[in-house]
């Protein structure tokens, strides 16, 4: 008897899976910031490598921009918090996805960001807004 495929399950690292899971006072802030001007930006190819990052994005995580370019985005993402394959599949179908992403600062701190991912010529343009810089999840 053939085994049935298990549906995709999101990793259980943090209780925040989307902006809707945030406490109400942070939901409004995250939505407002995403709608206006995100602070950080990265372009990620289908191999999960950073094609380019803004200087602010790199500095925010304690790196120089050249340190992050052409590196796997998973090297700076906390393990188990984001499945980029899933994000790419959703963005291919829906053109845009929003949610939460946990990065690891060069000093080891975890940084929660809201993000919006948009499809662009075989790559993702991901815009991030930090929600908890300096505090640990």
N, C-alpha and C. Protein backbone atom coordinates (compact mmCIF):
# COMPACT_ATOMS: atom_id res chain seq x y z
N UNK A 1 0.84 -1.18 0.00
CA UNK A 1 0.00 0.00 0.00
C UNK A 1 0.88 1.24 0.00
N UNK A 2 0.62 2.14 -0.90
CA UNK A 2 1.42 3.37 -1.02
C UNK A 2 1.13 4.32 0.13
N UNK A 3 2.18 4.96 0.60
CA UNK A 3 2.00 5.93 1.68
C UNK A 3 1.47 7.23 1.11
N UNK A 4 0.60 7.85 1.86
CA UNK A 4 0.07 9.15 1.46
C UNK A 4 1.08 10.23 1.81
N UNK A 5 1.15 11.22 0.95
CA UNK A 5 2.05 12.34 1.24
C UNK A 5 1.48 13.14 2.40
N UNK A 6 2.37 13.53 3.27
CA UNK A 6 1.94 14.38 4.39
C UNK A 6 1.85 15.81 3.93
N UNK A 7 0.83 16.53 4.34
CA UNK A 7 0.75 17.94 3.95
C UNK A 7 1.89 18.73 4.58
N UNK A 8 2.23 19.84 3.96
CA UNK A 8 3.30 20.68 4.48
C UNK A 8 2.96 21.13 5.89
N UNK A 9 3.91 21.02 6.79
CA UNK A 9 3.72 21.50 8.16
C UNK A 9 4.78 22.55 8.44
N UNK A 10 4.34 23.68 8.97
CA UNK A 10 5.30 24.73 9.27
C UNK A 10 6.14 24.32 10.48
N UNK A 11 7.41 24.69 10.50
CA UNK A 11 8.25 24.37 11.65
C UNK A 11 7.71 25.02 12.92
N UNK A 12 7.95 24.39 14.06
CA UNK A 12 7.39 24.89 15.32
C UNK A 12 8.47 25.51 16.19
N UNK A 13 9.16 26.51 15.67
CA UNK A 13 10.23 27.14 16.43
C UNK A 13 9.70 28.32 17.22
N UNK A 14 8.84 29.10 16.61
CA UNK A 14 8.27 30.26 17.29
C UNK A 14 6.77 30.21 17.16
N UNK A 15 6.08 30.79 18.12
CA UNK A 15 4.62 30.75 18.06
C UNK A 15 4.07 31.76 17.07
N UNK A 16 4.90 32.65 16.56
CA UNK A 16 4.45 33.65 15.61
C UNK A 16 4.65 33.14 14.19
N UNK A 17 3.60 32.83 13.49
CA UNK A 17 3.67 32.30 12.13
C UNK A 17 3.32 33.36 11.10
N UNK A 18 2.51 34.32 11.48
CA UNK A 18 2.14 35.37 10.54
C UNK A 18 1.88 36.64 11.34
N UNK A 19 1.65 37.72 10.63
CA UNK A 19 1.38 38.99 11.31
C UNK A 19 0.14 38.86 12.18
N UNK A 20 -0.82 38.05 11.75
CA UNK A 20 -2.06 37.87 12.53
C UNK A 20 -1.80 37.22 13.88
N UNK A 21 -0.68 36.49 14.03
CA UNK A 21 -0.36 35.82 15.29
C UNK A 21 0.29 36.75 16.31
N UNK A 22 0.70 37.93 15.87
CA UNK A 22 1.32 38.88 16.78
C UNK A 22 0.28 39.47 17.73
N UNK A 23 0.71 39.94 18.90
CA UNK A 23 -0.21 40.68 19.75
C UNK A 23 -0.79 41.86 18.97
N UNK A 24 -2.02 42.20 19.27
CA UNK A 24 -2.75 43.20 18.48
C UNK A 24 -2.01 44.52 18.31
N UNK A 25 -1.33 44.98 19.37
CA UNK A 25 -0.63 46.28 19.26
C UNK A 25 0.51 46.22 18.24
N UNK A 26 1.13 45.03 18.04
CA UNK A 26 2.19 44.90 17.05
C UNK A 26 1.66 44.66 15.64
N UNK A 27 0.47 44.08 15.53
CA UNK A 27 -0.11 43.83 14.21
C UNK A 27 -0.23 45.13 13.42
N UNK A 28 -0.78 46.14 14.06
CA UNK A 28 -0.98 47.42 13.38
C UNK A 28 0.35 48.03 12.95
N UNK A 29 1.35 47.95 13.83
CA UNK A 29 2.66 48.50 13.51
C UNK A 29 3.27 47.76 12.32
N UNK A 30 3.22 46.42 12.35
CA UNK A 30 3.80 45.62 11.27
C UNK A 30 3.10 45.91 9.95
N UNK A 31 1.77 45.99 9.96
CA UNK A 31 1.03 46.27 8.73
C UNK A 31 1.36 47.65 8.20
N UNK A 32 1.41 48.64 9.09
CA UNK A 32 1.71 50.02 8.66
C UNK A 32 3.09 50.10 8.03
N UNK A 33 4.07 49.47 8.67
CA UNK A 33 5.44 49.54 8.15
C UNK A 33 5.55 48.83 6.81
N UNK A 34 4.94 47.64 6.70
CA UNK A 34 5.00 46.92 5.44
C UNK A 34 4.31 47.69 4.32
N UNK A 35 3.21 48.36 4.65
CA UNK A 35 2.47 49.09 3.63
C UNK A 35 3.24 50.33 3.19
N UNK A 36 4.01 50.90 4.08
CA UNK A 36 4.74 52.13 3.76
C UNK A 36 6.13 51.83 3.21
N UNK A 37 7.10 51.80 4.08
CA UNK A 37 8.49 51.67 3.63
C UNK A 37 9.21 50.63 4.47
N UNK A 38 9.48 49.46 3.93
CA UNK A 38 10.26 48.49 4.69
C UNK A 38 11.69 49.01 4.90
N UNK A 39 12.29 48.59 5.97
CA UNK A 39 13.61 49.09 6.31
C UNK A 39 14.74 48.32 5.62
N UNK A 40 14.51 47.05 5.33
CA UNK A 40 15.57 46.19 4.83
C UNK A 40 15.09 45.46 3.59
N UNK A 41 16.01 45.13 2.70
CA UNK A 41 15.61 44.48 1.45
C UNK A 41 16.69 43.51 0.99
N UNK A 42 16.26 42.35 0.47
CA UNK A 42 17.19 41.37 -0.08
C UNK A 42 16.56 40.75 -1.32
N UNK A 43 17.38 40.41 -2.29
CA UNK A 43 16.94 39.67 -3.47
C UNK A 43 17.54 38.28 -3.35
N UNK A 44 16.66 37.25 -3.38
CA UNK A 44 17.07 35.87 -3.12
C UNK A 44 16.74 35.04 -4.35
N UNK A 45 17.72 34.27 -4.85
CA UNK A 45 17.44 33.44 -6.03
C UNK A 45 16.84 32.09 -5.61
N UNK A 46 16.49 31.27 -6.59
CA UNK A 46 15.82 30.00 -6.31
C UNK A 46 16.72 29.00 -5.61
N UNK A 47 18.02 29.24 -5.60
CA UNK A 47 18.95 28.40 -4.85
C UNK A 47 19.13 28.90 -3.42
N UNK A 48 18.26 29.82 -3.00
CA UNK A 48 18.27 30.42 -1.66
C UNK A 48 19.54 31.20 -1.36
N UNK A 49 20.13 31.80 -2.38
CA UNK A 49 21.32 32.63 -2.20
C UNK A 49 20.94 34.10 -2.34
N UNK A 50 21.60 34.94 -1.56
CA UNK A 50 21.37 36.39 -1.63
C UNK A 50 22.05 36.93 -2.88
N UNK A 51 21.27 37.43 -3.82
CA UNK A 51 21.86 38.07 -5.00
C UNK A 51 22.32 39.48 -4.65
N UNK A 52 21.52 40.14 -3.86
CA UNK A 52 21.90 41.48 -3.39
C UNK A 52 21.16 41.78 -2.09
N UNK A 53 21.76 42.63 -1.28
CA UNK A 53 21.13 43.08 -0.03
C UNK A 53 21.40 44.57 0.11
N UNK A 54 20.49 45.25 0.76
CA UNK A 54 20.75 46.67 1.03
C UNK A 54 21.80 46.78 2.12
N UNK A 55 22.50 47.87 2.11
CA UNK A 55 23.53 48.09 3.14
C UNK A 55 22.92 48.06 4.53
N UNK A 56 21.72 48.62 4.67
CA UNK A 56 21.03 48.63 5.96
C UNK A 56 20.76 47.22 6.46
N UNK A 57 20.34 46.34 5.53
CA UNK A 57 20.04 44.95 5.88
C UNK A 57 21.28 44.27 6.45
N UNK A 58 22.40 44.39 5.76
CA UNK A 58 23.64 43.76 6.21
C UNK A 58 24.10 44.34 7.54
N UNK A 59 24.11 45.65 7.65
CA UNK A 59 24.55 46.30 8.90
C UNK A 59 23.65 45.90 10.06
N UNK A 60 22.37 45.80 9.80
CA UNK A 60 21.39 45.44 10.82
C UNK A 60 21.72 44.09 11.45
N UNK A 61 22.23 43.17 10.63
CA UNK A 61 22.58 41.84 11.12
C UNK A 61 24.05 41.71 11.51
N UNK A 62 24.79 42.83 11.45
CA UNK A 62 26.18 42.83 11.89
C UNK A 62 27.19 42.47 10.83
N UNK A 63 26.80 42.53 9.56
CA UNK A 63 27.69 42.16 8.46
C UNK A 63 27.92 43.34 7.52
N UNK A 64 28.90 43.19 6.63
CA UNK A 64 29.07 44.11 5.51
C UNK A 64 28.28 43.51 4.35
N UNK A 65 27.74 44.35 3.43
CA UNK A 65 26.95 43.81 2.31
C UNK A 65 27.68 42.73 1.52
N UNK A 66 28.98 42.90 1.29
CA UNK A 66 29.73 41.91 0.51
C UNK A 66 29.83 40.57 1.24
N UNK A 67 29.68 40.58 2.59
CA UNK A 67 29.72 39.33 3.36
C UNK A 67 28.49 38.47 3.12
N UNK A 68 27.38 39.09 2.76
CA UNK A 68 26.12 38.37 2.59
C UNK A 68 25.82 38.01 1.14
N UNK A 69 26.37 38.75 0.21
CA UNK A 69 26.05 38.49 -1.19
C UNK A 69 26.59 37.13 -1.62
N UNK A 70 25.75 36.39 -2.31
CA UNK A 70 26.04 35.06 -2.83
C UNK A 70 26.16 34.00 -1.74
N UNK A 71 25.70 34.31 -0.52
CA UNK A 71 25.65 33.32 0.57
C UNK A 71 24.21 32.83 0.72
N UNK A 72 24.06 31.65 1.24
CA UNK A 72 22.73 31.11 1.49
C UNK A 72 22.01 31.94 2.55
N UNK A 73 20.76 32.25 2.29
CA UNK A 73 19.98 33.02 3.26
C UNK A 73 19.79 32.22 4.55
N UNK A 74 19.88 30.87 4.45
CA UNK A 74 19.74 30.04 5.64
C UNK A 74 20.89 30.23 6.62
N UNK A 75 22.02 30.75 6.16
CA UNK A 75 23.16 30.97 7.06
C UNK A 75 22.87 32.07 8.08
N UNK A 76 21.94 32.95 7.77
CA UNK A 76 21.61 34.03 8.71
C UNK A 76 20.19 33.90 9.24
N UNK A 77 19.49 32.83 8.85
CA UNK A 77 18.13 32.58 9.32
C UNK A 77 18.19 31.57 10.45
N UNK A 78 17.44 31.81 11.52
CA UNK A 78 17.41 30.84 12.62
C UNK A 78 16.84 29.53 12.10
N UNK A 79 17.47 28.41 12.41
CA UNK A 79 17.05 27.11 11.89
C UNK A 79 15.58 26.81 12.19
N UNK A 80 14.88 26.34 11.17
CA UNK A 80 13.50 25.90 11.35
C UNK A 80 12.44 26.97 11.34
N UNK A 81 12.81 28.23 11.13
CA UNK A 81 11.80 29.29 11.22
C UNK A 81 11.16 29.62 9.89
N UNK A 82 11.85 29.39 8.78
CA UNK A 82 11.31 29.73 7.47
C UNK A 82 11.66 28.61 6.49
N UNK A 83 10.68 28.17 5.71
CA UNK A 83 10.92 27.21 4.65
C UNK A 83 10.85 27.97 3.33
N UNK A 84 12.03 28.31 2.79
CA UNK A 84 12.05 29.12 1.57
C UNK A 84 11.45 28.42 0.37
N UNK A 85 11.57 27.10 0.32
CA UNK A 85 10.93 26.36 -0.77
C UNK A 85 9.44 26.59 -0.78
N UNK A 86 8.84 26.58 0.41
CA UNK A 86 7.41 26.83 0.55
C UNK A 86 7.08 28.27 0.15
N UNK A 87 7.90 29.22 0.59
CA UNK A 87 7.68 30.63 0.25
C UNK A 87 7.74 30.81 -1.27
N UNK A 88 8.73 30.21 -1.93
CA UNK A 88 8.83 30.31 -3.39
C UNK A 88 7.58 29.74 -4.07
N UNK A 89 7.10 28.57 -3.58
CA UNK A 89 5.91 27.98 -4.20
C UNK A 89 4.69 28.89 -4.06
N UNK A 90 4.51 29.46 -2.88
CA UNK A 90 3.37 30.36 -2.65
C UNK A 90 3.49 31.61 -3.51
N UNK A 91 4.68 32.19 -3.56
CA UNK A 91 4.87 33.43 -4.32
C UNK A 91 4.69 33.18 -5.83
N UNK A 92 5.12 32.01 -6.30
CA UNK A 92 4.89 31.69 -7.72
C UNK A 92 3.41 31.67 -8.03
N UNK A 93 2.62 31.17 -7.10
CA UNK A 93 1.18 31.04 -7.32
C UNK A 93 0.44 32.35 -7.04
N UNK A 94 0.78 33.01 -5.95
CA UNK A 94 0.01 34.18 -5.51
C UNK A 94 0.71 35.51 -5.76
N UNK A 95 1.95 35.49 -6.21
CA UNK A 95 2.76 36.67 -6.51
C UNK A 95 3.29 37.41 -5.28
N UNK A 96 2.67 37.23 -4.12
CA UNK A 96 3.13 37.94 -2.92
C UNK A 96 2.79 37.11 -1.69
N UNK A 97 3.65 37.21 -0.69
CA UNK A 97 3.40 36.53 0.58
C UNK A 97 3.92 37.40 1.70
N UNK A 98 3.20 37.39 2.81
CA UNK A 98 3.63 38.13 4.00
C UNK A 98 3.73 37.15 5.16
N UNK A 99 4.58 37.46 6.10
CA UNK A 99 4.71 36.61 7.27
C UNK A 99 5.79 37.12 8.19
N UNK A 100 6.31 36.21 8.98
CA UNK A 100 7.36 36.56 9.95
C UNK A 100 8.59 35.71 9.68
N UNK A 101 9.74 36.29 9.94
CA UNK A 101 11.03 35.65 9.65
C UNK A 101 11.92 35.93 10.86
N UNK A 102 12.67 34.95 11.30
CA UNK A 102 13.58 35.14 12.42
C UNK A 102 15.02 35.01 11.90
N UNK A 103 15.76 36.10 12.02
CA UNK A 103 17.16 36.11 11.62
C UNK A 103 18.04 35.94 12.85
N UNK A 104 19.27 35.52 12.59
CA UNK A 104 20.25 35.45 13.67
C UNK A 104 21.31 36.51 13.43
N UNK A 105 21.41 37.44 14.36
CA UNK A 105 22.41 38.50 14.29
C UNK A 105 23.80 37.87 14.41
N UNK A 106 24.80 38.54 13.88
CA UNK A 106 26.17 38.03 13.94
C UNK A 106 26.60 37.74 15.39
N UNK A 107 26.04 38.48 16.34
CA UNK A 107 26.37 38.28 17.76
C UNK A 107 25.54 37.18 18.40
N UNK A 108 24.66 36.53 17.60
CA UNK A 108 23.88 35.41 18.12
C UNK A 108 22.48 35.75 18.57
N UNK A 109 22.10 37.02 18.59
CA UNK A 109 20.75 37.40 18.99
C UNK A 109 19.76 37.03 17.89
N UNK A 110 18.54 36.69 18.29
CA UNK A 110 17.48 36.39 17.33
C UNK A 110 16.67 37.65 17.08
N UNK A 111 16.40 37.92 15.82
CA UNK A 111 15.68 39.14 15.44
C UNK A 111 14.43 38.76 14.66
N UNK A 112 13.27 39.13 15.19
CA UNK A 112 12.00 38.86 14.54
C UNK A 112 11.69 39.99 13.57
N UNK A 113 11.38 39.65 12.32
CA UNK A 113 11.03 40.64 11.30
C UNK A 113 9.73 40.24 10.63
N UNK A 114 8.92 41.23 10.30
CA UNK A 114 7.81 40.95 9.39
C UNK A 114 8.40 41.06 7.99
N UNK A 115 7.83 40.31 7.04
CA UNK A 115 8.37 40.37 5.68
C UNK A 115 7.25 40.33 4.66
N UNK A 116 7.59 40.84 3.49
CA UNK A 116 6.74 40.71 2.30
C UNK A 116 7.65 40.22 1.19
N UNK A 117 7.29 39.10 0.58
CA UNK A 117 8.07 38.54 -0.52
C UNK A 117 7.28 38.71 -1.81
N UNK A 118 7.96 39.21 -2.83
CA UNK A 118 7.34 39.48 -4.12
C UNK A 118 8.15 38.78 -5.20
N UNK A 119 7.47 38.22 -6.19
CA UNK A 119 8.15 37.53 -7.29
C UNK A 119 8.74 38.55 -8.26
N UNK A 120 9.98 38.27 -8.70
CA UNK A 120 10.64 39.16 -9.67
C UNK A 120 11.66 38.38 -10.48
N UNK A 121 11.34 38.06 -11.73
CA UNK A 121 12.27 37.43 -12.68
C UNK A 121 13.07 36.26 -12.08
N UNK A 122 12.40 35.25 -11.61
CA UNK A 122 13.07 34.06 -11.09
C UNK A 122 13.69 34.23 -9.72
N UNK A 123 13.41 35.32 -9.07
CA UNK A 123 13.97 35.58 -7.74
C UNK A 123 12.87 36.12 -6.83
N UNK A 124 13.16 36.15 -5.55
CA UNK A 124 12.28 36.77 -4.57
C UNK A 124 12.87 38.11 -4.18
N UNK A 125 12.05 39.12 -4.15
CA UNK A 125 12.45 40.38 -3.53
C UNK A 125 11.77 40.38 -2.17
N UNK A 126 12.56 40.29 -1.12
CA UNK A 126 12.02 40.21 0.23
C UNK A 126 12.30 41.51 0.96
N UNK A 127 11.24 42.08 1.52
CA UNK A 127 11.35 43.33 2.27
C UNK A 127 11.07 43.00 3.73
N UNK A 128 11.94 43.44 4.61
CA UNK A 128 11.85 43.10 6.02
C UNK A 128 11.71 44.34 6.89
N UNK A 129 10.94 44.18 7.97
CA UNK A 129 10.82 45.23 8.97
C UNK A 129 11.08 44.61 10.34
N UNK A 130 12.15 45.01 11.04
CA UNK A 130 12.44 44.45 12.35
C UNK A 130 11.35 44.79 13.36
N UNK A 131 11.00 43.81 14.18
CA UNK A 131 9.98 44.02 15.20
C UNK A 131 10.54 43.94 16.61
N UNK A 132 11.72 43.36 16.78
CA UNK A 132 12.24 43.19 18.15
C UNK A 132 13.74 43.30 18.26
N UNK A 133 14.37 44.18 17.53
CA UNK A 133 15.84 44.24 17.54
C UNK A 133 16.35 44.39 18.98
N UNK A 134 17.31 43.53 19.29
CA UNK A 134 17.95 43.62 20.60
C UNK A 134 17.36 42.67 21.63
N UNK A 135 16.14 42.19 21.43
CA UNK A 135 15.59 41.27 22.41
C UNK A 135 15.65 39.86 21.87
N UNK A 136 15.65 38.92 22.74
CA UNK A 136 15.75 37.52 22.35
C UNK A 136 14.38 36.90 22.40
N UNK A 137 14.05 36.10 21.40
CA UNK A 137 12.76 35.40 21.38
C UNK A 137 12.77 34.25 22.35
